[in-house]
Amino acid sequence: MEPILISIVTHNSKDIFQTLDQFATFLPDPTYQIVIYDNASEKKYIEKLKRYPFVRVIQSSENRGFGYGHNQVLLSAKGATAIICNPDILVTKQSLGELVKLVQHNPISKKTALVTPKVLNEDGTTQYLVRHKLTVFDYALRFMPIQFVKKRFDKRLADYECRGLSDTTYSQIRMGSGCFMAINLHAFQEIQGFDERFFMYFEDNDLCLRFEKAGYDIVYTPFHPVTHLYGKGAHRNGKLFFVFMRSMAQFFMKWGWKFY
């Protein structure tokens, strides 16, 4: 039986060692294999990654983005199920195992391509990362620094962030966050994985919509959460904000512009 691949793509991510330390609480385990695709990080950083005995590191001489890296790991992989994991995620052995089971034997969908868990902040509050629609206005609203404007549109923002998802049942959704995804590997390979034109940001939304177009379902579970050490890089870093805006334009040009 093939081990379940946990694919992580990184480029000098400072949080990955906290992530790997958490995995070290229950790995090595023949059930899982962690593969890190490194996008041209510093030499000392890569050497530190290789100190973890349960990790296989694939080194790239250039940074070609999030989706490209995961595709290099997953498109030729064997097995039925895999995990797409950010380098800033904390997940327990129990949650990991239950999420894998949900992909393989889902109670609400016989054609599940992807299961996304509730994502928490370090303080236990919820990160609202599920989406059922994307518009330019809603993205502008999220970045808006003026609080009374956000308050004026709070109901709309709540709808956009899918805050009403049940905490007591599974839900079928349209788009989940790429920070952590348990995937049907055959379905992922069938649609040729991530669209590599997205360097970073929006590739997860695009992947979900292509699963939907291919007739697959995406399921959200509130029962098996993960913790995301969320840096909000695009909110704070001018270079990342530019990457975000470029990916947003690529997404709407591909799927149609929706302003409001």
Protein backbone atom coordinates (compact mmCIF):
# COMPACT_ATOMS: atom_id res chain seq x y z
CA MET A 1 0.00 0.00 0.00
CA GLU A 2 1.36 3.40 -1.02
CA PRO A 3 1.93 5.91 1.80
CA ILE A 4 -0.26 9.01 1.82
CA LEU A 5 1.80 11.90 0.50
CA ILE A 6 1.81 15.16 2.42
CA SER A 7 2.98 17.75 -0.09
CA ILE A 8 4.50 20.99 1.21
CA VAL A 9 5.86 23.78 -0.98
CA THR A 10 8.18 26.28 0.64
CA HIS A 11 10.49 29.21 -0.01
CA ASN A 12 12.38 30.21 3.14
CA SER A 13 9.19 29.89 5.21
CA LYS A 14 10.02 30.70 8.82
CA ASP A 15 7.03 28.73 10.15
CA ILE A 16 7.81 25.39 8.55
CA PHE A 17 9.96 24.21 11.43
CA GLN A 18 7.05 24.63 13.82
CA THR A 19 4.95 22.66 11.32
CA LEU A 20 7.55 19.89 11.09
CA ASP A 21 7.99 19.79 14.87
CA GLN A 22 4.26 19.11 15.14
CA PHE A 23 4.50 16.31 12.55
CA ALA A 24 7.45 14.92 14.54
CA THR A 25 5.07 14.15 17.42
CA PHE A 26 3.67 11.23 15.38
CA LEU A 27 6.11 10.67 12.50
CA PRO A 28 7.84 8.66 11.15
CA ASP A 29 4.86 6.46 10.38
CA PRO A 30 4.65 4.22 7.28
CA THR A 31 1.13 5.55 6.65
CA TYR A 32 2.47 8.97 5.64
CA GLN A 33 5.34 10.47 3.69
CA ILE A 34 6.16 14.18 3.73
CA VAL A 35 7.62 15.57 0.52
CA ILE A 36 8.84 19.17 0.56
CA TYR A 37 9.27 20.88 -2.77
CA ASP A 38 11.67 23.72 -2.07
CA ASN A 39 11.51 26.75 -4.33
CA ALA A 40 15.16 27.84 -4.27
CA SER A 41 15.54 28.60 -0.57
CA GLU A 42 18.83 29.47 1.11
CA LYS A 43 21.37 26.71 1.64
CA LYS A 44 21.25 26.81 5.45
CA TYR A 45 17.45 26.63 5.34
CA ILE A 46 17.52 23.49 3.17
CA GLU A 47 20.13 21.88 5.40
CA LYS A 48 17.84 22.45 8.38
CA LEU A 49 14.90 20.86 6.53
CA LYS A 50 16.96 17.74 5.86
CA ARG A 51 17.55 17.21 9.57
CA TYR A 52 14.01 15.84 9.87
CA PRO A 53 14.34 12.09 9.15
CA PHE A 54 10.75 11.69 7.92
CA VAL A 55 11.06 14.38 5.23
CA ARG A 56 12.10 14.03 1.59
CA VAL A 57 13.25 17.32 0.09
CA ILE A 58 13.08 18.09 -3.63
CA GLN A 59 15.25 21.09 -4.43
CA SER A 60 14.48 23.48 -7.27
CA SER A 61 16.96 26.03 -8.60
CA GLU A 62 14.15 28.52 -9.25
CA ASN A 63 10.89 29.60 -7.66
CA ARG A 64 8.03 28.79 -10.01
CA GLY A 65 5.25 29.10 -7.49
CA PHE A 66 2.88 27.24 -5.19
CA GLY A 67 0.85 25.29 -7.74
CA TYR A 68 3.87 24.30 -9.83
CA GLY A 69 5.62 22.85 -6.78
CA HIS A 70 2.63 20.76 -5.68
CA ASN A 71 2.16 19.51 -9.24
CA GLN A 72 5.76 18.26 -9.31
CA VAL A 73 5.03 16.15 -6.24
CA LEU A 74 1.47 14.99 -6.91
CA LEU A 75 0.83 14.60 -10.64
CA SER A 76 3.08 11.54 -10.94
CA ALA A 77 2.37 10.19 -7.45
CA LYS A 78 0.74 6.83 -6.75
CA GLY A 79 -2.00 6.12 -4.27
CA ALA A 80 -5.60 7.19 -3.76
CA THR A 81 -5.31 10.13 -1.37
CA ALA A 82 -2.86 12.95 -0.67
CA ILE A 83 -2.57 16.08 1.46
CA ILE A 84 -1.77 19.60 0.27
CA CYS A 85 -0.32 21.40 3.27
CA ASN A 86 1.04 24.90 3.73
CA PRO A 87 4.37 25.32 5.53
CA ASP A 88 2.52 27.12 8.34
CA ILE A 89 -0.06 24.49 9.37
CA LEU A 90 -0.37 22.58 12.62
CA VAL A 91 -2.38 19.36 12.39
CA THR A 92 -2.83 16.48 14.83
CA LYS A 93 -2.52 12.82 13.93
CA GLN A 94 -6.21 12.31 14.69
CA SER A 95 -7.38 15.15 12.43
CA LEU A 96 -5.08 14.02 9.64
CA GLY A 97 -6.39 10.47 9.77
CA GLU A 98 -10.03 11.51 9.88
CA LEU A 99 -9.63 13.89 6.94
CA VAL A 100 -8.07 11.12 4.86
CA LYS A 101 -11.00 8.82 5.73
CA LEU A 102 -13.47 11.52 4.67
CA VAL A 103 -11.94 11.69 1.20
CA GLN A 104 -12.11 7.93 0.82
CA HIS A 105 -15.54 7.32 2.42
CA ASN A 106 -17.53 10.53 2.46
CA PRO A 107 -20.99 10.47 4.10
CA ILE A 108 -22.51 13.21 1.92
CA SER A 109 -20.83 12.71 -1.46
CA LYS A 110 -19.86 9.63 -3.44
CA LYS A 111 -17.70 11.73 -5.78
CA THR A 112 -15.56 13.73 -3.39
CA ALA A 113 -12.47 15.36 -4.87
CA LEU A 114 -11.44 17.37 -1.87
CA VAL A 115 -12.12 17.76 1.84
CA THR A 116 -11.27 21.02 3.56
CA PRO A 117 -11.29 21.37 7.37
CA LYS A 118 -12.21 24.22 9.65
CA VAL A 119 -9.11 26.42 9.87
CA LEU A 120 -8.26 28.04 13.19
CA ASN A 121 -6.02 30.85 14.36
CA GLU A 122 -3.54 30.09 17.13
CA ASP A 123 -6.01 31.49 19.68
CA GLY A 124 -8.70 29.04 18.55
CA THR A 125 -10.82 31.52 16.62
CA THR A 126 -11.99 30.62 13.13
CA GLN A 127 -10.34 31.79 9.92
CA TYR A 128 -13.18 32.19 7.44
CA LEU A 129 -11.54 30.91 4.25
CA VAL A 130 -14.40 29.08 2.51
CA ARG A 131 -15.98 30.86 -0.48
CA HIS A 132 -19.12 30.33 -2.56
CA LYS A 133 -18.50 33.29 -4.90
CA LEU A 134 -15.75 35.77 -5.70
CA THR A 135 -16.18 39.42 -6.67
CA VAL A 136 -13.83 42.37 -6.99
CA PHE A 137 -15.93 44.36 -4.50
CA ASP A 138 -15.65 41.70 -1.79
CA TYR A 139 -11.88 41.54 -2.13
CA ALA A 140 -11.66 45.32 -1.91
CA LEU A 141 -13.88 45.18 1.18
CA ARG A 142 -11.56 42.71 2.92
CA PHE A 143 -8.55 44.95 2.33
CA MET A 144 -10.47 48.08 3.34
CA PRO A 145 -8.77 49.73 6.38
CA ILE A 146 -11.80 51.93 7.20
CA GLN A 147 -13.81 50.04 9.79
CA PHE A 148 -17.14 51.87 9.45
CA VAL A 149 -17.23 50.86 5.76
CA LYS A 150 -16.69 47.22 6.74
CA LYS A 151 -19.39 47.52 9.38
CA ARG A 152 -21.79 48.97 6.80
CA PHE A 153 -21.30 45.85 4.66
CA ASP A 154 -20.90 43.33 7.48
CA LYS A 155 -23.76 41.08 6.29
CA ARG A 156 -22.28 40.97 2.82
CA LEU A 157 -18.83 40.19 4.20
CA ALA A 158 -20.29 37.45 6.41
CA ASP A 159 -21.93 35.89 3.35
CA TYR A 160 -18.72 36.19 1.33
CA GLU A 161 -16.73 34.50 4.11
CA CYS A 162 -19.36 31.75 4.54
CA ARG A 163 -19.57 32.40 8.27
CA GLY A 164 -22.89 30.57 8.39
CA LEU A 165 -21.42 27.13 7.70
CA SER A 166 -22.66 24.53 10.16
CA ASP A 167 -20.50 23.54 13.12
CA THR A 168 -22.53 20.37 13.64
CA THR A 169 -22.68 18.77 10.17
CA TYR A 170 -20.58 18.34 7.06
CA SER A 171 -21.29 20.83 4.25
CA GLN A 172 -20.86 20.67 0.51
CA ILE A 173 -19.06 23.85 -0.61
CA ARG A 174 -17.72 25.42 -3.79
CA MET A 175 -14.26 26.65 -2.80
CA GLY A 176 -11.96 25.74 0.07
CA SER A 177 -8.59 27.12 1.11
CA GLY A 178 -5.37 25.75 -0.34
CA CYS A 179 -3.65 26.09 3.04
CA PHE A 180 -4.78 22.54 3.79
CA MET A 181 -6.61 20.14 1.48
CA ALA A 182 -7.15 16.40 1.66
CA ILE A 183 -7.54 15.36 -1.98
CA ASN A 184 -8.66 12.45 -4.10
CA LEU A 185 -5.37 11.99 -5.94
CA HIS A 186 -6.97 10.38 -8.99
CA ALA A 187 -9.35 13.33 -9.41
CA PHE A 188 -6.47 15.79 -8.96
CA GLN A 189 -4.48 14.03 -11.67
CA GLU A 190 -7.53 13.79 -13.93
CA ILE A 191 -7.85 17.60 -14.09
CA GLN A 192 -4.05 18.02 -14.30
CA GLY A 193 -3.63 19.56 -10.87
CA PHE A 194 -3.12 23.25 -10.29
CA ASP A 195 -3.11 25.78 -13.11
CA GLU A 196 0.54 26.81 -13.00
CA ARG A 197 -0.19 30.24 -14.48
CA PHE A 198 -1.11 31.27 -10.93
CA PHE A 199 2.23 31.84 -9.19
CA MET A 200 0.54 32.20 -5.80
CA TYR A 201 -3.01 33.07 -4.66
CA PHE A 202 -6.28 32.05 -6.36
CA GLU A 203 -4.88 28.71 -7.57
CA ASP A 204 -6.94 26.99 -4.86
CA ASN A 205 -10.18 28.69 -5.96
CA ASP A 206 -9.40 27.80 -9.56
CA LEU A 207 -8.71 24.17 -8.62
CA CYS A 208 -12.02 23.89 -6.79
CA LEU A 209 -14.01 25.36 -9.66
CA ARG A 210 -12.35 22.95 -12.10
CA PHE A 211 -13.24 20.04 -9.82
CA GLU A 212 -16.82 21.33 -9.83
CA LYS A 213 -16.78 21.62 -13.62
CA ALA A 214 -15.55 18.03 -13.87
CA GLY A 215 -18.48 16.82 -11.76
CA TYR A 216 -16.74 16.37 -8.42
CA ASP A 217 -17.81 17.58 -4.98
CA ILE A 218 -15.93 19.51 -2.29
CA VAL A 219 -16.78 18.90 1.35
CA TYR A 220 -16.14 21.02 4.44
CA THR A 221 -15.82 19.46 7.88
CA PRO A 222 -16.00 21.40 11.15
CA PHE A 223 -15.01 18.34 13.18
CA HIS A 224 -11.30 17.94 12.36
CA PRO A 225 -9.68 21.40 12.49
CA VAL A 226 -6.16 22.51 11.66
CA THR A 227 -4.32 25.60 12.89
CA HIS A 228 -2.99 28.08 10.36
CA LEU A 229 -0.15 30.38 11.42
CA TYR A 230 -1.62 32.99 9.10
CA GLY A 231 0.78 35.78 8.15
CA LYS A 232 -1.51 37.74 5.80
CA GLY A 233 1.50 38.46 3.62
CA ALA A 234 -0.46 40.23 0.89
CA HIS A 235 -1.80 42.68 3.47
CA ARG A 236 1.66 43.68 4.69
CA ASN A 237 4.13 43.11 1.86
CA GLY A 238 4.06 45.26 -1.27
CA LYS A 239 5.63 42.58 -3.46
CA LEU A 240 3.15 39.94 -2.32
CA PHE A 241 0.28 42.38 -2.78
CA PHE A 242 1.36 42.82 -6.40
CA VAL A 243 1.43 39.03 -6.84
CA PHE A 244 -2.03 38.84 -5.27
CA MET A 245 -3.45 41.49 -7.61
CA ARG A 246 -1.93 39.85 -10.66
CA SER A 247 -3.38 36.47 -9.69
CA MET A 248 -6.77 38.05 -9.03
CA ALA A 249 -6.76 39.55 -12.53
CA GLN A 250 -5.77 36.17 -14.00
CA PHE A 251 -8.59 34.48 -12.10
CA PHE A 252 -11.30 36.88 -13.26
CA MET A 253 -10.02 36.87 -16.83
CA LYS A 254 -10.29 33.07 -16.79
CA TRP A 255 -13.65 32.73 -15.02
CA GLY A 256 -15.33 36.03 -15.91
CA TRP A 257 -15.24 39.41 -14.21
CA LYS A 258 -17.70 39.84 -11.35
CA PHE A 259 -17.49 43.30 -9.79
CA TYR A 260 -20.45 43.13 -7.37
